[in-house]
C-alpha atoms as a PDB file:
ATOM      1  CA  MET A   1       0.000   0.000   0.000  1.00  0.00           C
ATOM      2  CA  ARG A   2       2.761   2.411   1.023  1.00  0.00           C
ATOM      3  CA  SER A   3       4.657   1.526  -2.184  1.00  0.00           C
ATOM      4  CA  GLN A   4       1.634   2.426  -4.308  1.00  0.00           C
ATOM      5  CA  THR A   5       1.221   5.756  -2.488  1.00  0.00           C
ATOM      6  CA  TRP A   6       4.844   6.677  -3.095  1.00  0.00           C
ATOM      7  CA  SER A   7       4.505   5.696  -6.779  1.00  0.00           C
ATOM      8  CA  LEU A   8       1.442   7.924  -7.117  1.00  0.00           C
ATOM      9  CA  ILE A   9       3.266  10.838  -5.457  1.00  0.00           C
ATOM     10  CA  ALA A  10       6.292  10.349  -7.735  1.00  0.00           C
ATOM     11  CA  VAL A  11       4.154  10.322 -10.893  1.00  0.00           C
ATOM     12  CA  SER A  12       2.238  13.412  -9.753  1.00  0.00           C
ATOM     13  CA  GLY A  13       5.534  15.188  -9.050  1.00  0.00           C
ATOM     14  CA  LEU A  14       6.872  14.387 -12.513  1.00  0.00           C
ATOM     15  CA  ALA A  15       3.649  15.656 -14.137  1.00  0.00           C
ATOM     16  CA  LEU A  16       3.853  18.904 -12.148  1.00  0.00           C
ATOM     17  CA  ALA A  17       7.504  19.358 -13.121  1.00  0.00           C
ATOM     18  CA  ALA A  18       6.611  18.854 -16.792  1.00  0.00           C
ATOM     19  CA  ILE A  19       3.908  21.563 -16.565  1.00  0.00           C
ATOM     20  CA  VAL A  20       6.329  24.017 -14.918  1.00  0.00           C
ATOM     21  CA  VAL A  21       9.020  23.392 -17.544  1.00  0.00           C
ATOM     22  CA  SER A  22       6.445  23.759 -20.317  1.00  0.00           C
ATOM     23  CA  ASN A  23       5.325  27.126 -18.902  1.00  0.00           C
ATOM     24  CA  LEU A  24       8.896  28.329 -18.643  1.00  0.00           C
ATOM     25  CA  VAL A  25       9.608  27.406 -22.260  1.00  0.00           C
ATOM     26  CA  THR A  26       6.477  29.141 -23.609  1.00  0.00           C
ATOM     27  CA  SER A  27       6.815  32.305 -21.512  1.00  0.00           C
ATOM     28  CA  ASP A  28       8.658  35.432 -22.525  1.00  0.00           C
ATOM     29  CA  ALA A  29      10.848  37.603 -20.263  1.00  0.00           C
ATOM     30  CA  SER A  30       7.818  39.359 -18.744  1.00  0.00           C
ATOM     31  CA  GLY A  31       6.295  36.067 -17.662  1.00  0.00           C
ATOM     32  CA  GLN A  32       3.542  36.329 -20.264  1.00  0.00           C
ATOM     33  CA  ALA A  33       2.742  33.317 -22.378  1.00  0.00           C
ATOM     34  CA  ALA A  34       4.432  33.577 -25.754  1.00  0.00           C
ATOM     35  CA  PRO A  35       2.135  33.114 -28.746  1.00  0.00           C
ATOM     36  CA  ALA A  36       2.365  29.774 -30.473  1.00  0.00           C
ATOM     37  CA  ALA A  37       4.336  29.823 -33.711  1.00  0.00           C
ATOM     38  CA  ALA A  38       2.056  30.381 -36.706  1.00  0.00           C
ATOM     39  CA  PRO A  39       2.077  27.671 -39.338  1.00  0.00           C
ATOM     40  CA  ALA A  40       4.025  28.499 -42.472  1.00  0.00           C
ATOM     41  CA  LYS A  41       1.832  30.139 -45.092  1.00  0.00           C
ATOM     42  CA  THR A  42       1.722  28.951 -48.649  1.00  0.00           C
ATOM     43  CA  SER A  43       1.303  31.473 -51.448  1.00  0.00           C
ATOM     44  CA  THR A  44      -2.319  31.826 -52.511  1.00  0.00           C
ATOM     45  CA  GLU A  45      -1.749  34.484 -55.155  1.00  0.00           C
ATOM     46  CA  ILE A  46      -3.242  33.470 -58.486  1.00  0.00           C
ATOM     47  CA  THR A  47      -0.810  34.017 -61.351  1.00  0.00           C
ATOM     48  CA  LYS A  48      -2.359  31.939 -64.118  1.00  0.00           C
ATOM     49  CA  ALA A  49      -5.836  31.048 -65.387  1.00  0.00           C
ATOM     50  CA  ILE A  50      -7.209  29.024 -68.270  1.00  0.00           C
ATOM     51  CA  CYS A  51     -10.442  28.837 -70.231  1.00  0.00           C
ATOM     52  CA  VAL A  52     -11.318  25.881 -72.459  1.00  0.00           C
ATOM     53  CA  VAL A  53     -13.744  27.114 -75.120  1.00  0.00           C
ATOM     54  CA  HIS A  54     -16.499  24.776 -76.314  1.00  0.00           C
ATOM     55  CA  PRO A  55     -18.945  25.169 -79.213  1.00  0.00           C
ATOM     56  CA  LEU A  56     -22.410  26.614 -78.674  1.00  0.00           C
ATOM     57  CA  GLY A  57     -25.366  25.427 -80.718  1.00  0.00           C
ATOM     58  CA  ASP A  58     -24.293  23.994 -84.086  1.00  0.00           C
ATOM     59  CA  SER A  59     -20.921  25.764 -84.179  1.00  0.00           C
ATOM     60  CA  LYS A  60     -17.583  23.973 -84.232  1.00  0.00           C
ATOM     61  CA  VAL A  61     -15.686  26.607 -82.239  1.00  0.00           C
ATOM     62  CA  ALA A  62     -13.150  25.169 -79.809  1.00  0.00           C
ATOM     63  CA  GLY A  63      -9.836  26.067 -78.234  1.00  0.00           C
ATOM     64  CA  LYS A  64      -8.336  27.657 -75.165  1.00  0.00           C
ATOM     65  CA  VAL A  65      -7.449  31.010 -73.694  1.00  0.00           C
ATOM     66  CA  VAL A  66      -4.562  31.267 -71.213  1.00  0.00           C
ATOM     67  CA  PHE A  67      -4.168  34.222 -68.855  1.00  0.00           C
ATOM     68  CA  THR A  68      -0.796  34.862 -67.181  1.00  0.00           C
ATOM     69  CA  LYS A  69       0.127  37.602 -64.737  1.00  0.00           C
ATOM     70  CA  VAL A  70       3.044  39.637 -66.147  1.00  0.00           C
ATOM     71  CA  ASP A  71       4.604  43.038 -65.564  1.00  0.00           C
ATOM     72  CA  GLY A  72       2.040  45.621 -66.602  1.00  0.00           C
ATOM     73  CA  GLY A  73      -1.048  43.423 -66.413  1.00  0.00           C
ATOM     74  CA  VAL A  74      -2.322  40.048 -67.550  1.00  0.00           C
ATOM     75  CA  GLU A  75      -1.182  38.461 -70.801  1.00  0.00           C
ATOM     76  CA  ILE A  76      -3.998  36.883 -72.830  1.00  0.00           C
ATOM     77  CA  VAL A  77      -3.081  34.148 -75.323  1.00  0.00           C
ATOM     78  CA  ALA A  78      -5.894  32.488 -77.296  1.00  0.00           C
ATOM     79  CA  GLU A  79      -5.860  29.705 -79.880  1.00  0.00           C
ATOM     80  CA  LEU A  80      -9.238  28.879 -81.435  1.00  0.00           C
ATOM     81  CA  SER A  81     -10.469  26.789 -84.347  1.00  0.00           C
ATOM     82  CA  GLY A  82     -13.764  26.088 -86.096  1.00  0.00           C
ATOM     83  CA  LEU A  83     -14.529  29.754 -86.820  1.00  0.00           C
ATOM     84  CA  THR A  84     -15.763  31.240 -90.073  1.00  0.00           C
ATOM     85  CA  PRO A  85     -13.013  33.334 -91.721  1.00  0.00           C
ATOM     86  CA  GLY A  86     -12.846  36.931 -90.501  1.00  0.00           C
ATOM     87  CA  GLU A  87     -13.218  38.780 -87.206  1.00  0.00           C
ATOM     88  CA  HIS A  88     -15.267  37.642 -84.240  1.00  0.00           C
ATOM     89  CA  GLY A  89     -16.195  39.529 -81.079  1.00  0.00           C
ATOM     90  CA  PHE A  90     -14.234  38.169 -78.135  1.00  0.00           C
ATOM     91  CA  HIS A  91     -15.169  39.175 -74.582  1.00  0.00           C
ATOM     92  CA  VAL A  92     -15.275  38.215 -70.922  1.00  0.00           C
ATOM     93  CA  HIS A  93     -18.898  37.836 -69.866  1.00  0.00           C
ATOM     94  CA  GLU A  94     -20.391  38.233 -66.454  1.00  0.00           C
ATOM     95  CA  PHE A  95     -21.212  34.666 -65.415  1.00  0.00           C
ATOM     96  CA  GLY A  96     -19.240  31.435 -65.687  1.00  0.00           C
ATOM     97  CA  ASP A  97     -22.212  29.569 -67.100  1.00  0.00           C
ATOM     98  CA  CYS A  98     -22.125  27.891 -70.529  1.00  0.00           C
ATOM     99  CA  SER A  99     -25.025  25.511 -69.917  1.00  0.00           C
ATOM    100  CA  MET A 100     -27.444  26.902 -72.534  1.00  0.00           C
ATOM    101  CA  ALA A 101     -26.980  26.289 -76.269  1.00  0.00           C
ATOM    102  CA  ASP A 102     -27.264  30.009 -77.070  1.00  0.00           C
ATOM    103  CA  GLY A 103     -24.791  31.066 -74.357  1.00  0.00           C
ATOM    104  CA  LYS A 104     -27.168  33.678 -72.936  1.00  0.00           C
ATOM    105  CA  CYS A 105     -26.687  32.230 -69.444  1.00  0.00           C
ATOM    106  CA  ALA A 106     -23.209  33.848 -69.408  1.00  0.00           C
ATOM    107  CA  GLY A 107     -24.911  37.240 -69.084  1.00  0.00           C
ATOM    108  CA  GLY A 108     -23.609  40.446 -70.596  1.00  0.00           C
ATOM    109  CA  HIS A 109     -20.085  41.793 -70.923  1.00  0.00           C
ATOM    110  CA  PHE A 110     -18.180  41.874 -67.641  1.00  0.00           C
ATOM    111  CA  ASN A 111     -18.598  45.550 -66.744  1.00  0.00           C
ATOM    112  CA  PRO A 112     -18.283  46.067 -62.963  1.00  0.00           C
ATOM    113  CA  GLU A 113     -17.883  49.843 -63.290  1.00  0.00           C
ATOM    114  CA  GLY A 114     -20.881  50.408 -65.571  1.00  0.00           C
ATOM    115  CA  LYS A 115     -18.801  52.039 -68.326  1.00  0.00           C
ATOM    116  CA  ASP A 116     -19.525  52.311 -72.054  1.00  0.00           C
ATOM    117  CA  HIS A 117     -18.379  49.599 -74.432  1.00  0.00           C
ATOM    118  CA  GLY A 118     -15.035  50.260 -76.115  1.00  0.00           C
ATOM    119  CA  LYS A 119     -11.922  48.944 -77.787  1.00  0.00           C
ATOM    120  CA  PRO A 120      -9.507  46.905 -75.657  1.00  0.00           C
ATOM    121  CA  ASP A 121      -6.997  49.756 -75.337  1.00  0.00           C
ATOM    122  CA  ALA A 122      -9.577  52.548 -74.969  1.00  0.00           C
ATOM    123  CA  GLU A 123      -9.639  54.772 -71.900  1.00  0.00           C
ATOM    124  CA  VAL A 124     -13.330  53.910 -71.404  1.00  0.00           C
ATOM    125  CA  ARG A 125     -14.398  50.281 -71.884  1.00  0.00           C
ATOM    126  CA  HIS A 126     -15.931  47.300 -70.181  1.00  0.00           C
ATOM    127  CA  VAL A 127     -13.370  45.293 -68.215  1.00  0.00           C
ATOM    128  CA  GLY A 128     -14.347  42.348 -70.424  1.00  0.00           C
ATOM    129  CA  ASP A 129     -13.835  44.157 -73.758  1.00  0.00           C
ATOM    130  CA  PHE A 130     -11.138  42.268 -75.684  1.00  0.00           C
ATOM    131  CA  GLY A 131     -12.205  43.441 -79.158  1.00  0.00           C
ATOM    132  CA  ASN A 132     -11.989  40.868 -81.964  1.00  0.00           C
ATOM    133  CA  ILE A 133     -10.143  37.670 -82.738  1.00  0.00           C
ATOM    134  CA  LYS A 134      -9.442  37.100 -86.447  1.00  0.00           C
ATOM    135  CA  ALA A 135      -9.749  33.693 -88.105  1.00  0.00           C
ATOM    136  CA  GLY A 136      -7.991  32.755 -91.323  1.00  0.00           C
ATOM    137  CA  ALA A 137      -9.387  30.727 -94.234  1.00  0.00           C
ATOM    138  CA  ASP A 138      -8.733  27.559 -92.195  1.00  0.00           C
ATOM    139  CA  GLY A 139     -10.987  28.773 -89.370  1.00  0.00           C
ATOM    140  CA  LYS A 140      -8.075  29.088 -86.931  1.00  0.00           C
ATOM    141  CA  ALA A 141      -7.484  32.242 -84.912  1.00  0.00           C
ATOM    142  CA  SER A 142      -4.813  33.503 -82.519  1.00  0.00           C
ATOM    143  CA  TYR A 143      -4.880  36.399 -80.090  1.00  0.00           C
ATOM    144  CA  LYS A 144      -2.140  37.784 -77.858  1.00  0.00           C
ATOM    145  CA  ARG A 145      -1.971  40.976 -75.842  1.00  0.00           C
ATOM    146  CA  VAL A 146      -1.360  42.287 -72.317  1.00  0.00           C
ATOM    147  CA  ASP A 147      -4.451  43.744 -70.678  1.00  0.00           C
ATOM    148  CA  LYS A 148      -4.169  46.384 -67.950  1.00  0.00           C
ATOM    149  CA  LEU A 149      -7.710  46.111 -66.521  1.00  0.00           C
ATOM    150  CA  ILE A 150      -8.383  42.438 -65.871  1.00  0.00           C
ATOM    151  CA  THR A 151      -7.104  40.833 -62.674  1.00  0.00           C
ATOM    152  CA  PHE A 152      -7.272  37.523 -60.812  1.00  0.00           C
ATOM    153  CA  SER A 153      -8.643  39.057 -57.598  1.00  0.00           C
ATOM    154  CA  GLY A 154     -10.710  42.032 -56.502  1.00  0.00           C
ATOM    155  CA  PRO A 155     -13.507  43.799 -58.416  1.00  0.00           C
ATOM    156  CA  HIS A 156     -11.886  43.239 -61.843  1.00  0.00           C
ATOM    157  CA  SER A 157     -11.277  39.516 -61.301  1.00  0.00           C
ATOM    158  CA  ILE A 158     -12.134  37.328 -64.281  1.00  0.00           C
ATOM    159  CA  ILE A 159     -11.904  34.063 -62.304  1.00  0.00           C
ATOM    160  CA  GLY A 160     -15.172  32.137 -62.558  1.00  0.00           C
ATOM    161  CA  ARG A 161     -16.475  34.259 -65.433  1.00  0.00           C
ATOM    162  CA  ALA A 162     -16.851  33.209 -69.087  1.00  0.00           C
ATOM    163  CA  ILE A 163     -15.156  33.853 -72.401  1.00  0.00           C
ATOM    164  CA  ILE A 164     -17.689  34.283 -75.206  1.00  0.00           C
ATOM    165  CA  VAL A 165     -16.776  34.148 -78.894  1.00  0.00           C
ATOM    166  CA  HIS A 166     -19.323  35.764 -81.220  1.00  0.00           C
ATOM    167  CA  ALA A 167     -20.388  34.958 -84.784  1.00  0.00           C
ATOM    168  CA  ALA A 168     -19.767  38.497 -86.092  1.00  0.00           C
ATOM    169  CA  PRO A 169     -17.179  41.246 -85.552  1.00  0.00           C
ATOM    170  CA  ASP A 170     -17.418  43.674 -82.652  1.00  0.00           C
ATOM    171  CA  ASP A 171     -18.002  47.044 -84.351  1.00  0.00           C
ATOM    172  CA  PHE A 172     -17.574  48.896 -81.015  1.00  0.00           C
ATOM    173  CA  SER A 173     -21.033  50.452 -81.204  1.00  0.00           C
ATOM    174  CA  GLN A 174     -23.074  50.895 -78.045  1.00  0.00           C
ATOM    175  CA  PRO A 175     -24.076  49.139 -75.937  1.00  0.00           C
ATOM    176  CA  VAL A 176     -22.145  45.905 -76.697  1.00  0.00           C
ATOM    177  CA  GLY A 177     -20.706  46.054 -80.222  1.00  0.00           C
ATOM    178  CA  ASN A 178     -23.346  44.264 -82.320  1.00  0.00           C
ATOM    179  CA  ALA A 179     -21.261  41.067 -82.549  1.00  0.00           C
ATOM    180  CA  GLY A 180     -24.195  38.732 -83.091  1.00  0.00           C
ATOM    181  CA  ALA A 181     -24.809  35.203 -81.854  1.00  0.00           C
ATOM    182  CA  ARG A 182     -22.614  33.460 -79.321  1.00  0.00           C
ATOM    183  CA  VAL A 183     -20.748  30.562 -80.958  1.00  0.00           C
ATOM    184  CA  GLY A 184     -18.189  29.608 -78.291  1.00  0.00           C
ATOM    185  CA  CYS A 185     -18.127  29.640 -74.496  1.00  0.00           C
ATOM    186  CA  GLY A 186     -15.759  28.591 -71.729  1.00  0.00           C
ATOM    187  CA  VAL A 187     -15.405  29.218 -68.000  1.00  0.00           C
ATOM    188  CA  ILE A 188     -12.219  30.860 -66.712  1.00  0.00           C
ATOM    189  CA  GLY A 189     -10.605  28.826 -63.935  1.00  0.00           C
ATOM    190  CA  ILE A 190      -7.449  28.949 -61.838  1.00  0.00           C
ATOM    191  CA  ALA A 191      -4.510  27.197 -63.523  1.00  0.00           C
ATOM    192  CA  ASP A 192      -1.394  25.564 -62.093  1.00  0.00           C
ATOM    193  CA  PRO A 193       1.401  28.069 -62.865  1.00  0.00           C
ATOM    194  CA  LYS A 194       3.884  25.200 -63.244  1.00  0.00           C
ATOM    195  CA  MET A 195       1.934  23.697 -66.147  1.00  0.00           C
ATOM    196  CA  THR A 196       2.765  24.499 -69.759  1.00  0.00           C
ATOM    197  CA  HIS A 197      -0.496  25.249 -71.530  1.00  0.00           C
END
């Protein structure tokens, strides 16, 4: 019995010593408990996005648009096929929804500031105004430029919105450029910056 009592006292003493040592280690010079070390943060900044464009209705439009953060803005690189030869309106639209055959579920041009429609380098334009993409006789089109308005965060963020390709050219008239039917649509998503797209 006495042996068990002494064992219990010894264990209790060791536990108390461990608590005291622990408090000493986690206290600063003033005797206040030091804050626990914060876990290391991983970078959450988005630097790349991608949009895979699919045909709407009976069109054959397909391809991809890659967005990469660079000095001075966001670089836009598009490669599309299945277009009729000539220019086609090319814009970011409000909603990332391509579920309807006519593409109307993507809403209007992305225009968070309520500005007039304009050319991509105009002082006044919708954030989503990219102008036109031009297809050759083979129906293939390329587009490359750095945009100063679009972003991957904040009020000008294009993440989760849609790229719409139109049947006709954007003539830059008000309110949205008279570019006709929507023939291609894709949702803009976050991309792995280590991937080569």
